Every structure is written in C-alpha cells, then in structure tokens.
Amino acid sequence: MLGERRMKRLKENQKCDGDRPYIIKEVVEKVYMYNPNYGDDRICKCGHPYYRHFDWMEDNYPVGCKYCQCYIFEEKE
C-alpha cells in the first residue's frame, strides 16, 4: 500500500483522484514510415535515392541510408 504522504504527492503530481484505480497516461509516438507515393528516385542530400533509406526485408522499416551515415531523408535541392 502507498503511504498517506506518498499518495498525497501522487495526487498533486498526477492530478489523480481517489475514485479511479489507475492513472492514465497518454503517450504520443512519432513513427517515420515509407511513403510509396513520394517517389523512389528522389535524391537525398547524401546523394542516394529515397528507397535506399528503408529496409525492404523488414517491412520498409526506416533504417537510414544503407550506404552512408544518413539516417533522415532530406531531399536535395
């Protein structure tokens, strides 16, 4: 059981009332995914095409460029 002092601090910090069994925390996650409509032949600032920044064997997981240390695709102007 939580001590009375700790429970008071928890209520103050988490805006928790005593009527609910759980504190609900919403987590937002940003996930980068392959866009098949973007254009595979667009060139990144690193000089490699868009599709090279994804792993086809792992369901197009965004692994970064397979040929250099570029992890985020940024189109070359």
N, C-alpha and C. Protein backbone atom coordinates (compact mmCIF):
# COMPACT_ATOMS: atom_id res chain seq x y z
N MET A 1 0.83 -1.20 0.00
CA MET A 1 0.00 0.00 0.00
C MET A 1 0.87 1.25 0.00
N LEU A 2 0.39 2.27 -0.66
CA LEU A 2 1.10 3.54 -0.67
C LEU A 2 0.87 4.26 0.64
N GLY A 3 1.94 4.87 1.16
CA GLY A 3 1.79 5.66 2.37
C GLY A 3 0.95 6.89 2.10
N GLU A 4 0.38 7.46 3.16
CA GLU A 4 -0.50 8.61 3.01
C GLU A 4 0.22 9.81 2.39
N ARG A 5 1.46 10.04 2.80
CA ARG A 5 2.25 11.15 2.27
C ARG A 5 2.51 10.95 0.78
N ARG A 6 2.89 9.72 0.42
CA ARG A 6 3.19 9.43 -0.98
C ARG A 6 1.94 9.55 -1.84
N MET A 7 0.81 9.09 -1.33
CA MET A 7 -0.45 9.17 -2.07
C MET A 7 -0.84 10.64 -2.28
N LYS A 8 -0.61 11.49 -1.27
CA LYS A 8 -0.92 12.91 -1.42
C LYS A 8 -0.06 13.52 -2.51
N ARG A 9 1.25 13.19 -2.52
CA ARG A 9 2.17 13.70 -3.53
C ARG A 9 1.76 13.20 -4.91
N LEU A 10 1.37 11.94 -5.00
CA LEU A 10 0.93 11.36 -6.27
C LEU A 10 -0.29 12.10 -6.79
N LYS A 11 -1.22 12.40 -5.91
CA LYS A 11 -2.43 13.12 -6.33
C LYS A 11 -2.07 14.52 -6.83
N GLU A 12 -1.16 15.18 -6.15
CA GLU A 12 -0.77 16.52 -6.56
C GLU A 12 -0.04 16.51 -7.90
N ASN A 13 0.86 15.55 -8.07
CA ASN A 13 1.68 15.50 -9.29
C ASN A 13 0.93 14.95 -10.49
N GLN A 14 0.07 14.01 -10.30
CA GLN A 14 -0.59 13.34 -11.42
C GLN A 14 -2.06 13.75 -11.59
N LYS A 15 -2.54 14.65 -10.75
CA LYS A 15 -3.94 15.05 -10.80
C LYS A 15 -4.84 13.81 -10.71
N CYS A 16 -4.50 12.94 -9.80
CA CYS A 16 -5.20 11.68 -9.62
C CYS A 16 -6.26 11.84 -8.54
N ASP A 17 -7.47 11.39 -8.80
CA ASP A 17 -8.44 11.39 -7.72
C ASP A 17 -8.55 9.97 -7.17
N GLY A 18 -9.07 9.83 -6.01
CA GLY A 18 -9.13 8.54 -5.36
C GLY A 18 -10.21 7.62 -5.87
N ASP A 19 -10.99 8.07 -6.84
CA ASP A 19 -12.11 7.28 -7.34
C ASP A 19 -11.74 6.34 -8.47
N ARG A 20 -10.53 6.48 -8.99
CA ARG A 20 -10.13 5.65 -10.14
C ARG A 20 -8.99 4.72 -9.73
N PRO A 21 -9.01 3.48 -10.22
CA PRO A 21 -7.96 2.54 -9.83
C PRO A 21 -6.63 2.75 -10.55
N TYR A 22 -6.64 3.47 -11.67
CA TYR A 22 -5.42 3.67 -12.44
C TYR A 22 -5.23 5.13 -12.81
N ILE A 23 -3.98 5.52 -12.94
CA ILE A 23 -3.65 6.80 -13.54
C ILE A 23 -3.44 6.52 -15.02
N ILE A 24 -4.10 7.26 -15.85
CA ILE A 24 -3.98 7.04 -17.29
C ILE A 24 -3.05 8.09 -17.87
N LYS A 25 -2.01 7.62 -18.52
CA LYS A 25 -1.02 8.49 -19.13
C LYS A 25 -1.07 8.28 -20.64
N GLU A 26 -1.29 9.35 -21.38
CA GLU A 26 -1.35 9.25 -22.84
C GLU A 26 0.05 9.47 -23.40
N VAL A 27 0.48 8.55 -24.27
CA VAL A 27 1.80 8.62 -24.86
C VAL A 27 1.64 8.79 -26.36
N VAL A 28 2.33 9.78 -26.90
CA VAL A 28 2.30 10.03 -28.34
C VAL A 28 3.64 9.61 -28.91
N GLU A 29 3.60 8.81 -29.96
CA GLU A 29 4.84 8.32 -30.57
C GLU A 29 4.88 8.76 -32.03
N LYS A 30 6.01 9.28 -32.44
CA LYS A 30 6.18 9.69 -33.83
C LYS A 30 6.90 8.55 -34.56
N VAL A 31 6.28 8.03 -35.61
CA VAL A 31 6.84 6.91 -36.36
C VAL A 31 7.03 7.33 -37.82
N TYR A 32 8.25 7.20 -38.31
CA TYR A 32 8.54 7.51 -39.71
C TYR A 32 8.30 6.26 -40.54
N MET A 33 7.53 6.40 -41.62
CA MET A 33 7.18 5.25 -42.46
C MET A 33 7.45 5.56 -43.93
N TYR A 34 7.68 4.53 -44.69
CA TYR A 34 7.90 4.64 -46.13
C TYR A 34 6.62 5.12 -46.81
N ASN A 35 6.76 6.10 -47.71
CA ASN A 35 5.64 6.63 -48.46
C ASN A 35 5.80 6.20 -49.92
N PRO A 36 5.02 5.22 -50.39
CA PRO A 36 5.17 4.72 -51.76
C PRO A 36 4.81 5.76 -52.82
N ASN A 37 4.10 6.80 -52.44
CA ASN A 37 3.71 7.84 -53.40
C ASN A 37 4.72 8.98 -53.49
N TYR A 38 5.73 8.97 -52.67
CA TYR A 38 6.70 10.06 -52.61
C TYR A 38 7.61 10.09 -53.84
N GLY A 39 8.00 8.93 -54.30
CA GLY A 39 8.88 8.84 -55.47
C GLY A 39 10.22 8.24 -55.08
N ASP A 40 10.44 7.00 -55.45
CA ASP A 40 11.65 6.27 -55.06
C ASP A 40 12.94 6.86 -55.61
N ASP A 41 12.86 7.58 -56.72
CA ASP A 41 14.07 8.10 -57.36
C ASP A 41 14.45 9.51 -56.91
N ARG A 42 13.76 10.06 -55.94
CA ARG A 42 14.15 11.38 -55.41
C ARG A 42 15.48 11.22 -54.70
N ILE A 43 16.32 12.20 -54.83
CA ILE A 43 17.68 12.11 -54.29
C ILE A 43 17.78 12.87 -52.96
N CYS A 44 18.44 12.23 -52.02
CA CYS A 44 18.67 12.79 -50.69
C CYS A 44 19.91 13.70 -50.72
N LYS A 45 20.07 14.51 -49.71
CA LYS A 45 21.27 15.35 -49.59
C LYS A 45 22.53 14.51 -49.54
N CYS A 46 22.40 13.25 -49.10
CA CYS A 46 23.57 12.37 -49.04
C CYS A 46 23.95 11.83 -50.42
N GLY A 47 23.05 12.03 -51.43
CA GLY A 47 23.35 11.60 -52.79
C GLY A 47 22.71 10.27 -53.17
N HIS A 48 22.02 9.62 -52.26
CA HIS A 48 21.39 8.33 -52.54
C HIS A 48 19.87 8.49 -52.68
N PRO A 49 19.22 7.57 -53.44
CA PRO A 49 17.78 7.68 -53.66
C PRO A 49 16.96 7.39 -52.40
N TYR A 50 15.73 7.87 -52.42
CA TYR A 50 14.79 7.74 -51.30
C TYR A 50 14.66 6.30 -50.81
N TYR A 51 14.44 5.36 -51.73
CA TYR A 51 14.17 3.97 -51.33
C TYR A 51 15.34 3.33 -50.59
N ARG A 52 16.55 3.86 -50.72
CA ARG A 52 17.71 3.30 -50.04
C ARG A 52 17.71 3.60 -48.53
N HIS A 53 16.80 4.44 -48.09
CA HIS A 53 16.70 4.79 -46.67
C HIS A 53 15.76 3.87 -45.91
N PHE A 54 15.27 2.81 -46.56
CA PHE A 54 14.33 1.87 -45.95
C PHE A 54 14.78 0.44 -46.19
N ASP A 55 14.44 -0.44 -45.26
CA ASP A 55 14.83 -1.85 -45.36
C ASP A 55 13.66 -2.66 -45.91
N TRP A 56 13.78 -3.06 -47.15
CA TRP A 56 12.71 -3.82 -47.82
C TRP A 56 12.48 -5.18 -47.17
N MET A 57 13.51 -5.74 -46.56
CA MET A 57 13.39 -7.06 -45.92
C MET A 57 12.67 -6.97 -44.56
N GLU A 58 12.58 -5.77 -44.01
CA GLU A 58 11.95 -5.56 -42.70
C GLU A 58 10.72 -4.67 -42.81
N ASP A 59 9.87 -4.93 -43.79
CA ASP A 59 8.61 -4.22 -43.96
C ASP A 59 8.81 -2.71 -44.10
N ASN A 60 9.83 -2.34 -44.84
CA ASN A 60 10.16 -0.93 -45.13
C ASN A 60 10.45 -0.11 -43.89
N TYR A 61 11.10 -0.72 -42.93
CA TYR A 61 11.49 -0.01 -41.71
C TYR A 61 12.49 1.08 -42.06
N PRO A 62 12.33 2.30 -41.52
CA PRO A 62 13.24 3.40 -41.86
C PRO A 62 14.58 3.27 -41.16
N VAL A 63 15.53 2.63 -41.81
CA VAL A 63 16.84 2.36 -41.21
C VAL A 63 17.87 3.43 -41.51
N GLY A 64 17.54 4.36 -42.36
CA GLY A 64 18.53 5.35 -42.81
C GLY A 64 19.21 4.80 -44.04
N CYS A 65 20.04 5.59 -44.64
CA CYS A 65 20.72 5.19 -45.87
C CYS A 65 21.63 4.00 -45.62
N LYS A 66 21.54 3.01 -46.47
CA LYS A 66 22.34 1.79 -46.30
C LYS A 66 23.79 1.98 -46.74
N TYR A 67 24.10 3.09 -47.41
CA TYR A 67 25.43 3.28 -47.97
C TYR A 67 26.25 4.36 -47.29
N CYS A 68 25.64 5.08 -46.34
CA CYS A 68 26.38 6.12 -45.60
C CYS A 68 25.73 6.29 -44.22
N GLN A 69 26.09 7.30 -43.51
CA GLN A 69 25.56 7.52 -42.16
C GLN A 69 24.35 8.45 -42.12
N CYS A 70 23.67 8.63 -43.22
CA CYS A 70 22.49 9.50 -43.30
C CYS A 70 21.27 8.74 -42.77
N TYR A 71 20.66 9.21 -41.69
CA TYR A 71 19.53 8.49 -41.09
C TYR A 71 18.18 9.09 -41.43
N ILE A 72 18.15 10.36 -41.79
CA ILE A 72 16.88 11.03 -42.13
C ILE A 72 16.97 11.51 -43.57
N PHE A 73 15.98 11.12 -44.40
CA PHE A 73 15.96 11.55 -45.79
C PHE A 73 15.58 13.02 -45.86
N GLU A 74 16.43 13.81 -46.50
CA GLU A 74 16.14 15.21 -46.79
C GLU A 74 16.44 15.42 -48.26
N GLU A 75 15.43 15.78 -49.02
CA GLU A 75 15.60 15.89 -50.47
C GLU A 75 16.60 16.98 -50.84
N LYS A 76 17.45 16.63 -51.79
CA LYS A 76 18.47 17.55 -52.32
C LYS A 76 17.75 18.59 -53.17
N GLU A 77 18.14 19.83 -52.99
CA GLU A 77 17.51 20.91 -53.75
C GLU A 77 18.16 21.11 -55.09
